[in-house]
Amino acid sequence: MSNVENVENKSGTLMGKVVSDNRQQTLKVKVSWSRRHERYGKVIKKDTTFHVHDPESVGKVGDLVEIKQVRPISKTKTWQLVQVIEKAE
């Protein structure tokens, strides 16, 4: 049997910007994405906001962060902070 459990799944991670850090151990992260419409070719830009678990409270507003999907932590939190990629000034 191979050791598949130790391989990290990078496809389950997203990068986004912290828009709120008012609650304890919770961040609100906005992930922006775009795609081209299949028929008309117009670029569609959308934003999705995720509630992210931050146990050490290291994320601040404006930080660029990497998040991953985990088991449900609360009613709205199913994402967890992996790392802070870039600090806000």
PDB file of N, CA and C in Angstrom:
ATOM      1  N   MET A   1       0.836  -1.176   0.000  1.00  0.00           N
ATOM      2  CA  MET A   1       0.000   0.000   0.000  1.00  0.00           C
ATOM      3  C   MET A   1       0.883   1.242   0.000  1.00  0.00           C
ATOM      4  N   SER A   2       0.585   2.201  -0.840  1.00  0.00           N
ATOM      5  CA  SER A   2       1.416   3.398  -0.942  1.00  0.00           C
ATOM      6  C   SER A   2       1.089   4.383   0.170  1.00  0.00           C
ATOM      7  N   ASN A   3       1.996   5.304   0.383  1.00  0.00           N
ATOM      8  CA  ASN A   3       1.846   6.294   1.451  1.00  0.00           C
ATOM      9  C   ASN A   3       1.190   7.549   0.881  1.00  0.00           C
ATOM     10  N   VAL A   4      -0.089   7.449   0.546  1.00  0.00           N
ATOM     11  CA  VAL A   4      -0.810   8.541  -0.093  1.00  0.00           C
ATOM     12  C   VAL A   4      -1.242   9.590   0.921  1.00  0.00           C
ATOM     13  N   GLU A   5      -1.383   9.224   2.193  1.00  0.00           N
ATOM     14  CA  GLU A   5      -1.889  10.143   3.206  1.00  0.00           C
ATOM     15  C   GLU A   5      -0.971  11.342   3.431  1.00  0.00           C
ATOM     16  N   ASN A   6       0.317  11.211   3.193  1.00  0.00           N
ATOM     17  CA  ASN A   6       1.266  12.289   3.461  1.00  0.00           C
ATOM     18  C   ASN A   6       1.369  13.293   2.317  1.00  0.00           C
ATOM     19  N   VAL A   7       0.761  13.019   1.190  1.00  0.00           N
ATOM     20  CA  VAL A   7       0.831  13.920   0.045  1.00  0.00           C
ATOM     21  C   VAL A   7      -0.195  15.029   0.240  1.00  0.00           C
ATOM     22  N   GLU A   8       0.266  16.283   0.182  1.00  0.00           N
ATOM     23  CA  GLU A   8      -0.642  17.415   0.361  1.00  0.00           C
ATOM     24  C   GLU A   8      -1.364  17.708  -0.948  1.00  0.00           C
ATOM     25  N   ASN A   9      -2.659  17.936  -0.859  1.00  0.00           N
ATOM     26  CA  ASN A   9      -3.477  18.220  -2.033  1.00  0.00           C
ATOM     27  C   ASN A   9      -3.487  19.721  -2.285  1.00  0.00           C
ATOM     28  N   LYS A  10      -2.733  20.182  -3.277  1.00  0.00           N
ATOM     29  CA  LYS A  10      -2.672  21.608  -3.586  1.00  0.00           C
ATOM     30  C   LYS A  10      -3.928  22.082  -4.309  1.00  0.00           C
ATOM     31  N   SER A  11      -4.689  21.168  -4.895  1.00  0.00           N
ATOM     32  CA  SER A  11      -5.877  21.603  -5.619  1.00  0.00           C
ATOM     33  C   SER A  11      -6.967  22.087  -4.672  1.00  0.00           C
ATOM     34  N   GLY A  12      -6.897  21.761  -3.399  1.00  0.00           N
ATOM     35  CA  GLY A  12      -7.895  22.199  -2.434  1.00  0.00           C
ATOM     36  C   GLY A  12      -7.566  23.526  -1.796  1.00  0.00           C
ATOM     37  N   THR A  13      -6.551  24.237  -2.279  1.00  0.00           N
ATOM     38  CA  THR A  13      -6.163  25.511  -1.681  1.00  0.00           C
ATOM     39  C   THR A  13      -6.525  26.669  -2.603  1.00  0.00           C
ATOM     40  N   LEU A  14      -6.794  27.816  -1.985  1.00  0.00           N
ATOM     41  CA  LEU A  14      -7.105  29.041  -2.712  1.00  0.00           C
ATOM     42  C   LEU A  14      -6.294  30.188  -2.129  1.00  0.00           C
ATOM     43  N   MET A  15      -6.104  31.239  -2.917  1.00  0.00           N
ATOM     44  CA  MET A  15      -5.451  32.447  -2.433  1.00  0.00           C
ATOM     45  C   MET A  15      -6.454  33.587  -2.465  1.00  0.00           C
ATOM     46  N   GLY A  16      -6.442  34.410  -1.415  1.00  0.00           N
ATOM     47  CA  GLY A  16      -7.366  35.527  -1.364  1.00  0.00           C
ATOM     48  C   GLY A  16      -6.868  36.614  -0.443  1.00  0.00           C
ATOM     49  N   LYS A  17      -7.649  37.679  -0.333  1.00  0.00           N
ATOM     50  CA  LYS A  17      -7.289  38.839   0.466  1.00  0.00           C
ATOM     51  C   LYS A  17      -8.226  38.933   1.666  1.00  0.00           C
ATOM     52  N   VAL A  18      -7.649  39.216   2.843  1.00  0.00           N
ATOM     53  CA  VAL A  18      -8.440  39.341   4.064  1.00  0.00           C
ATOM     54  C   VAL A  18      -9.185  40.671   4.030  1.00  0.00           C
ATOM     55  N   VAL A  19     -10.517  40.620   4.199  1.00  0.00           N
ATOM     56  CA  VAL A  19     -11.323  41.836   4.196  1.00  0.00           C
ATOM     57  C   VAL A  19     -11.857  42.170   5.580  1.00  0.00           C
ATOM     58  N   SER A  20     -11.826  41.205   6.522  1.00  0.00           N
ATOM     59  CA  SER A  20     -12.308  41.471   7.872  1.00  0.00           C
ATOM     60  C   SER A  20     -11.623  40.529   8.851  1.00  0.00           C
ATOM     61  N   ASP A  21     -11.235  41.076  10.017  1.00  0.00           N
ATOM     62  CA  ASP A  21     -10.655  40.258  11.088  1.00  0.00           C
ATOM     63  C   ASP A  21     -11.251  40.648  12.438  1.00  0.00           C
ATOM     64  N   ASN A  22     -12.538  41.017  12.453  1.00  0.00           N
ATOM     65  CA  ASN A  22     -13.173  41.515  13.669  1.00  0.00           C
ATOM     66  C   ASN A  22     -13.467  40.430  14.694  1.00  0.00           C
ATOM     67  N   ARG A  23     -13.650  39.201  14.269  1.00  0.00           N
ATOM     68  CA  ARG A  23     -14.018  38.125  15.189  1.00  0.00           C
ATOM     69  C   ARG A  23     -12.800  37.331  15.627  1.00  0.00           C
ATOM     70  N   GLN A  24     -12.910  36.706  16.799  1.00  0.00           N
ATOM     71  CA  GLN A  24     -11.806  35.903  17.311  1.00  0.00           C
ATOM     72  C   GLN A  24     -11.669  34.636  16.477  1.00  0.00           C
ATOM     73  N   GLN A  25     -10.460  34.322  16.071  1.00  0.00           N
ATOM     74  CA  GLN A  25     -10.101  33.118  15.331  1.00  0.00           C
ATOM     75  C   GLN A  25     -10.856  32.960  14.012  1.00  0.00           C
ATOM     76  N   THR A  26     -11.388  34.046  13.469  1.00  0.00           N
ATOM     77  CA  THR A  26     -12.109  33.973  12.197  1.00  0.00           C
ATOM     78  C   THR A  26     -11.717  35.148  11.313  1.00  0.00           C
ATOM     79  N   LEU A  27     -11.449  34.847  10.059  1.00  0.00           N
ATOM     80  CA  LEU A  27     -11.176  35.868   9.055  1.00  0.00           C
ATOM     81  C   LEU A  27     -12.234  35.771   7.968  1.00  0.00           C
ATOM     82  N   LYS A  28     -12.461  36.880   7.297  1.00  0.00           N
ATOM     83  CA  LYS A  28     -13.306  36.888   6.112  1.00  0.00           C
ATOM     84  C   LYS A  28     -12.368  37.139   4.941  1.00  0.00           C
ATOM     85  N   VAL A  29     -12.277  36.173   4.029  1.00  0.00           N
ATOM     86  CA  VAL A  29     -11.327  36.232   2.921  1.00  0.00           C
ATOM     87  C   VAL A  29     -12.094  36.295   1.604  1.00  0.00           C
ATOM     88  N   LYS A  30     -11.722  37.270   0.756  1.00  0.00           N
ATOM     89  CA  LYS A  30     -12.343  37.423  -0.558  1.00  0.00           C
ATOM     90  C   LYS A  30     -11.430  36.815  -1.612  1.00  0.00           C
ATOM     91  N   VAL A  31     -11.972  35.856  -2.365  1.00  0.00           N
ATOM     92  CA  VAL A  31     -11.243  35.204  -3.445  1.00  0.00           C
ATOM     93  C   VAL A  31     -11.857  35.670  -4.760  1.00  0.00           C
ATOM     94  N   SER A  32     -11.041  36.271  -5.617  1.00  0.00           N
ATOM     95  CA  SER A  32     -11.503  36.755  -6.920  1.00  0.00           C
ATOM     96  C   SER A  32     -11.127  35.744  -7.994  1.00  0.00           C
ATOM     97  N   TRP A  33     -12.024  35.544  -8.936  1.00  0.00           N
ATOM     98  CA  TRP A  33     -11.749  34.641 -10.045  1.00  0.00           C
ATOM     99  C   TRP A  33     -12.427  35.159 -11.303  1.00  0.00           C
ATOM    100  N   SER A  34     -11.927  34.705 -12.433  1.00  0.00           N
ATOM    101  CA  SER A  34     -12.518  35.111 -13.704  1.00  0.00           C
ATOM    102  C   SER A  34     -12.450  33.941 -14.674  1.00  0.00           C
ATOM    103  N   ARG A  35     -13.394  33.941 -15.595  1.00  0.00           N
ATOM    104  CA  ARG A  35     -13.397  32.933 -16.648  1.00  0.00           C
ATOM    105  C   ARG A  35     -14.066  33.531 -17.878  1.00  0.00           C
ATOM    106  N   ARG A  36     -13.879  32.895 -18.990  1.00  0.00           N
ATOM    107  CA  ARG A  36     -14.455  33.371 -20.240  1.00  0.00           C
ATOM    108  C   ARG A  36     -15.768  32.630 -20.500  1.00  0.00           C
ATOM    109  N   HIS A  37     -16.793  33.385 -20.897  1.00  0.00           N
ATOM    110  CA  HIS A  37     -18.091  32.788 -21.203  1.00  0.00           C
ATOM    111  C   HIS A  37     -17.956  31.862 -22.410  1.00  0.00           C
ATOM    112  N   GLU A  38     -18.578  30.694 -22.317  1.00  0.00           N
ATOM    113  CA  GLU A  38     -18.416  29.688 -23.366  1.00  0.00           C
ATOM    114  C   GLU A  38     -18.922  30.161 -24.728  1.00  0.00           C
ATOM    115  N   ARG A  39     -20.086  30.770 -24.764  1.00  0.00           N
ATOM    116  CA  ARG A  39     -20.680  31.144 -26.047  1.00  0.00           C
ATOM    117  C   ARG A  39     -20.225  32.518 -26.515  1.00  0.00           C
ATOM    118  N   TYR A  40     -20.259  33.507 -25.622  1.00  0.00           N
ATOM    119  CA  TYR A  40     -20.044  34.890 -26.045  1.00  0.00           C
ATOM    120  C   TYR A  40     -18.612  35.374 -25.891  1.00  0.00           C
ATOM    121  N   GLY A  41     -17.798  34.675 -25.137  1.00  0.00           N
ATOM    122  CA  GLY A  41     -16.398  35.035 -25.016  1.00  0.00           C
ATOM    123  C   GLY A  41     -16.096  36.164 -24.060  1.00  0.00           C
ATOM    124  N   LYS A  42     -17.122  36.733 -23.421  1.00  0.00           N
ATOM    125  CA  LYS A  42     -16.901  37.830 -22.482  1.00  0.00           C
ATOM    126  C   LYS A  42     -16.260  37.288 -21.201  1.00  0.00           C
ATOM    127  N   VAL A  43     -15.329  38.047 -20.643  1.00  0.00           N
ATOM    128  CA  VAL A  43     -14.683  37.652 -19.396  1.00  0.00           C
ATOM    129  C   VAL A  43     -15.608  37.993 -18.235  1.00  0.00           C
ATOM    130  N   ILE A  44     -15.912  36.991 -17.424  1.00  0.00           N
ATOM    131  CA  ILE A  44     -16.788  37.159 -16.269  1.00  0.00           C
ATOM    132  C   ILE A  44     -15.917  37.166 -15.025  1.00  0.00           C
ATOM    133  N   LYS A  45     -15.986  38.256 -14.244  1.00  0.00           N
ATOM    134  CA  LYS A  45     -15.209  38.378 -13.011  1.00  0.00           C
ATOM    135  C   LYS A  45     -16.154  38.291 -11.829  1.00  0.00           C
ATOM    136  N   LYS A  46     -15.806  37.468 -10.847  1.00  0.00           N
ATOM    137  CA  LYS A  46     -16.639  37.312  -9.658  1.00  0.00           C
ATOM    138  C   LYS A  46     -15.759  37.246  -8.423  1.00  0.00           C
ATOM    139  N   ASP A  47     -16.360  37.587  -7.277  1.00  0.00           N
ATOM    140  CA  ASP A  47     -15.701  37.485  -5.985  1.00  0.00           C
ATOM    141  C   ASP A  47     -16.512  36.542  -5.111  1.00  0.00           C
ATOM    142  N   THR A  48     -15.819  35.711  -4.351  1.00  0.00           N
ATOM    143  CA  THR A  48     -16.465  34.828  -3.391  1.00  0.00           C
ATOM    144  C   THR A  48     -15.834  35.089  -2.033  1.00  0.00           C
ATOM    145  N   THR A  49     -16.660  35.194  -0.997  1.00  0.00           N
ATOM    146  CA  THR A  49     -16.166  35.462   0.348  1.00  0.00           C
ATOM    147  C   THR A  49     -16.288  34.200   1.188  1.00  0.00           C
ATOM    148  N   PHE A  50     -15.202  33.842   1.883  1.00  0.00           N
ATOM    149  CA  PHE A  50     -15.174  32.664   2.733  1.00  0.00           C
ATOM    150  C   PHE A  50     -14.891  33.072   4.173  1.00  0.00           C
ATOM    151  N   HIS A  51     -15.517  32.383   5.121  1.00  0.00           N
ATOM    152  CA  HIS A  51     -15.186  32.526   6.535  1.00  0.00           C
ATOM    153  C   HIS A  51     -14.099  31.500   6.822  1.00  0.00           C
ATOM    154  N   VAL A  52     -12.959  31.965   7.334  1.00  0.00           N
ATOM    155  CA  VAL A  52     -11.770  31.137   7.466  1.00  0.00           C
ATOM    156  C   VAL A  52     -11.367  31.043   8.927  1.00  0.00           C
ATOM    157  N   HIS A  53     -11.041  29.819   9.376  1.00  0.00           N
ATOM    158  CA  HIS A  53     -10.584  29.599  10.747  1.00  0.00           C
ATOM    159  C   HIS A  53      -9.109  29.982  10.845  1.00  0.00           C
ATOM    160  N   ASP A  54      -8.793  30.846  11.805  1.00  0.00           N
ATOM    161  CA  ASP A  54      -7.426  31.333  12.033  1.00  0.00           C
ATOM    162  C   ASP A  54      -7.108  31.162  13.515  1.00  0.00           C
ATOM    163  N   PRO A  55      -6.643  29.978  13.944  1.00  0.00           N
ATOM    164  CA  PRO A  55      -6.485  29.703  15.382  1.00  0.00           C
ATOM    165  C   PRO A  55      -5.492  30.616  16.095  1.00  0.00           C
ATOM    166  N   GLU A  56      -4.414  31.044  15.428  1.00  0.00           N
ATOM    167  CA  GLU A  56      -3.424  31.907  16.083  1.00  0.00           C
ATOM    168  C   GLU A  56      -3.698  33.387  15.865  1.00  0.00           C
ATOM    169  N   SER A  57      -4.716  33.739  15.123  1.00  0.00           N
ATOM    170  CA  SER A  57      -5.081  35.128  14.819  1.00  0.00           C
ATOM    171  C   SER A  57      -3.914  35.904  14.215  1.00  0.00           C
ATOM    172  N   VAL A  58      -3.289  35.327  13.192  1.00  0.00           N
ATOM    173  CA  VAL A  58      -2.141  35.978  12.550  1.00  0.00           C
ATOM    174  C   VAL A  58      -2.542  36.821  11.344  1.00  0.00           C
ATOM    175  N   GLY A  59      -3.696  36.567  10.761  1.00  0.00           N
ATOM    176  CA  GLY A  59      -4.132  37.317   9.587  1.00  0.00           C
ATOM    177  C   GLY A  59      -4.709  38.665   9.951  1.00  0.00           C
ATOM    178  N   LYS A  60      -4.354  39.684   9.184  1.00  0.00           N
ATOM    179  CA  LYS A  60      -4.859  41.047   9.376  1.00  0.00           C
ATOM    180  C   LYS A  60      -5.484  41.535   8.073  1.00  0.00           C
ATOM    181  N   VAL A  61      -6.272  42.590   8.151  1.00  0.00           N
ATOM    182  CA  VAL A  61      -6.955  43.126   6.974  1.00  0.00           C
ATOM    183  C   VAL A  61      -5.928  43.550   5.929  1.00  0.00           C
ATOM    184  N   GLY A  62      -6.135  43.124   4.692  1.00  0.00           N
ATOM    185  CA  GLY A  62      -5.248  43.471   3.594  1.00  0.00           C
ATOM    186  C   GLY A  62      -4.197  42.424   3.285  1.00  0.00           C
ATOM    187  N   ASP A  63      -4.022  41.427   4.144  1.00  0.00           N
ATOM    188  CA  ASP A  63      -3.031  40.380   3.907  1.00  0.00           C
ATOM    189  C   ASP A  63      -3.469  39.472   2.765  1.00  0.00           C
ATOM    190  N   LEU A  64      -2.500  38.984   1.992  1.00  0.00           N
ATOM    191  CA  LEU A  64      -2.741  37.967   0.984  1.00  0.00           C
ATOM    192  C   LEU A  64      -2.481  36.624   1.646  1.00  0.00           C
ATOM    193  N   VAL A  65      -3.480  35.737   1.663  1.00  0.00           N
ATOM    194  CA  VAL A  65      -3.371  34.486   2.408  1.00  0.00           C
ATOM    195  C   VAL A  65      -3.705  33.296   1.520  1.00  0.00           C
ATOM    196  N   GLU A  66      -3.239  32.126   1.955  1.00  0.00           N
ATOM    197  CA  GLU A  66      -3.582  30.858   1.319  1.00  0.00           C
ATOM    198  C   GLU A  66      -4.478  30.096   2.278  1.00  0.00           C
ATOM    199  N   ILE A  67      -5.604  29.573   1.768  1.00  0.00           N
ATOM    200  CA  ILE A  67      -6.554  28.851   2.606  1.00  0.00           C
ATOM    201  C   ILE A  67      -6.812  27.475   2.001  1.00  0.00           C
ATOM    202  N   LYS A  68      -7.239  26.530   2.858  1.00  0.00           N
ATOM    203  CA  LYS A  68      -7.577  25.197   2.373  1.00  0.00           C
ATOM    204  C   LYS A  68      -8.907  24.769   2.962  1.00  0.00           C
ATOM    205  N   GLN A  69      -9.593  23.897   2.254  1.00  0.00           N
ATOM    206  CA  GLN A  69     -10.887  23.408   2.705  1.00  0.00           C
ATOM    207  C   GLN A  69     -10.678  22.255   3.681  1.00  0.00           C
ATOM    208  N   VAL A  70     -11.409  22.310   4.810  1.00  0.00           N
ATOM    209  CA  VAL A  70     -11.317  21.287   5.850  1.00  0.00           C
ATOM    210  C   VAL A  70     -12.729  20.865   6.239  1.00  0.00           C
ATOM    211  N   ARG A  71     -12.822  19.977   7.211  1.00  0.00           N
ATOM    212  CA  ARG A  71     -14.136  19.562   7.701  1.00  0.00           C
ATOM    213  C   ARG A  71     -14.832  20.764   8.326  1.00  0.00           C
ATOM    214  N   PRO A  72     -16.148  20.774   8.424  1.00  0.00           N
ATOM    215  CA  PRO A  72     -16.854  21.926   8.992  1.00  0.00           C
ATOM    216  C   PRO A  72     -16.443  22.200  10.438  1.00  0.00           C
ATOM    217  N   ILE A  73     -16.051  23.450  10.706  1.00  0.00           N
ATOM    218  CA  ILE A  73     -15.660  23.876  12.044  1.00  0.00           C
ATOM    219  C   ILE A  73     -16.854  24.503  12.743  1.00  0.00           C
ATOM    220  N   SER A  74     -17.684  25.206  12.004  1.00  0.00           N
ATOM    221  CA  SER A  74     -18.921  25.783  12.528  1.00  0.00           C
ATOM    222  C   SER A  74     -19.928  25.818  11.377  1.00  0.00           C
ATOM    223  N   LYS A  75     -21.016  26.530  11.582  1.00  0.00           N
ATOM    224  CA  LYS A  75     -22.060  26.586  10.554  1.00  0.00           C
ATOM    225  C   LYS A  75     -21.554  27.196   9.251  1.00  0.00           C
ATOM    226  N   THR A  76     -20.704  28.209   9.345  1.00  0.00           N
ATOM    227  CA  THR A  76     -20.235  28.901   8.142  1.00  0.00           C
ATOM    228  C   THR A  76     -18.760  28.677   7.830  1.00  0.00           C
ATOM    229  N   LYS A  77     -17.990  28.098   8.741  1.00  0.00           N
ATOM    230  CA  LYS A  77     -16.548  27.945   8.526  1.00  0.00           C
ATOM    231  C   LYS A  77     -16.193  26.529   8.088  1.00  0.00           C
ATOM    232  N   THR A  78     -15.726  26.398   6.844  1.00  0.00           N
ATOM    233  CA  THR A  78     -15.204  25.127   6.351  1.00  0.00           C
ATOM    234  C   THR A  78     -13.833  25.317   5.708  1.00  0.00           C
ATOM    235  N   TRP A  79     -13.202  26.452   5.954  1.00  0.00           N
ATOM    236  CA  TRP A  79     -11.883  26.763   5.410  1.00  0.00           C
ATOM    237  C   TRP A  79     -10.941  27.120   6.549  1.00  0.00           C
ATOM    238  N   GLN A  80      -9.650  26.827   6.375  1.00  0.00           N
ATOM    239  CA  GLN A  80      -8.654  27.115   7.400  1.00  0.00           C
ATOM    240  C   GLN A  80      -7.455  27.811   6.766  1.00  0.00           C
ATOM    241  N   LEU A  81      -6.852  28.718   7.532  1.00  0.00           N
ATOM    242  CA  LEU A  81      -5.685  29.457   7.064  1.00  0.00           C
ATOM    243  C   LEU A  81      -4.480  28.529   6.980  1.00  0.00           C
ATOM    244  N   VAL A  82      -3.796  28.523   5.836  1.00  0.00           N
ATOM    245  CA  VAL A  82      -2.580  27.732   5.660  1.00  0.00           C
ATOM    246  C   VAL A  82      -1.369  28.594   5.970  1.00  0.00           C
ATOM    247  N   GLN A  83      -1.283  29.759   5.313  1.00  0.00           N
ATOM    248  CA  GLN A  83      -0.154  30.658   5.533  1.00  0.00           C
ATOM    249  C   GLN A  83      -0.495  32.058   5.052  1.00  0.00           C
ATOM    250  N   VAL A  84       0.226  33.025   5.604  1.00  0.00           N
ATOM    251  CA  VAL A  84       0.132  34.401   5.133  1.00  0.00           C
ATOM    252  C   VAL A  84       1.223  34.567   4.084  1.00  0.00           C
ATOM    253  N   ILE A  85       0.831  34.840   2.857  1.00  0.00           N
ATOM    254  CA  ILE A  85       1.787  34.952   1.758  1.00  0.00           C
ATOM    255  C   ILE A  85       2.437  36.325   1.746  1.00  0.00           C
ATOM    256  N   GLU A  86       1.632  37.371   1.922  1.00  0.00           N
ATOM    257  CA  GLU A  86       2.151  38.734   1.886  1.00  0.00           C
ATOM    258  C   GLU A  86       1.415  39.581   2.913  1.00  0.00           C
ATOM    259  N   LYS A  87       2.180  40.253   3.764  1.00  0.00           N
ATOM    260  CA  LYS A  87       1.596  41.121   4.790  1.00  0.00           C
ATOM    261  C   LYS A  87       1.173  42.450   4.177  1.00  0.00           C
ATOM    262  N   ALA A  88       0.098  43.024   4.713  1.00  0.00           N
ATOM    263  CA  ALA A  88      -0.352  44.343   4.280  1.00  0.00           C
ATOM    264  C   ALA A  88       0.516  45.413   4.925  1.00  0.00           C
ATOM    265  N   GLU A  89       0.649  46.523   4.243  1.00  0.00           N
ATOM    266  CA  GLU A  89       1.472  47.600   4.798  1.00  0.00           C
ATOM    267  C   GLU A  89       0.666  48.532   5.650  1.00  0.00           C
TER     268      GLU A  89
END
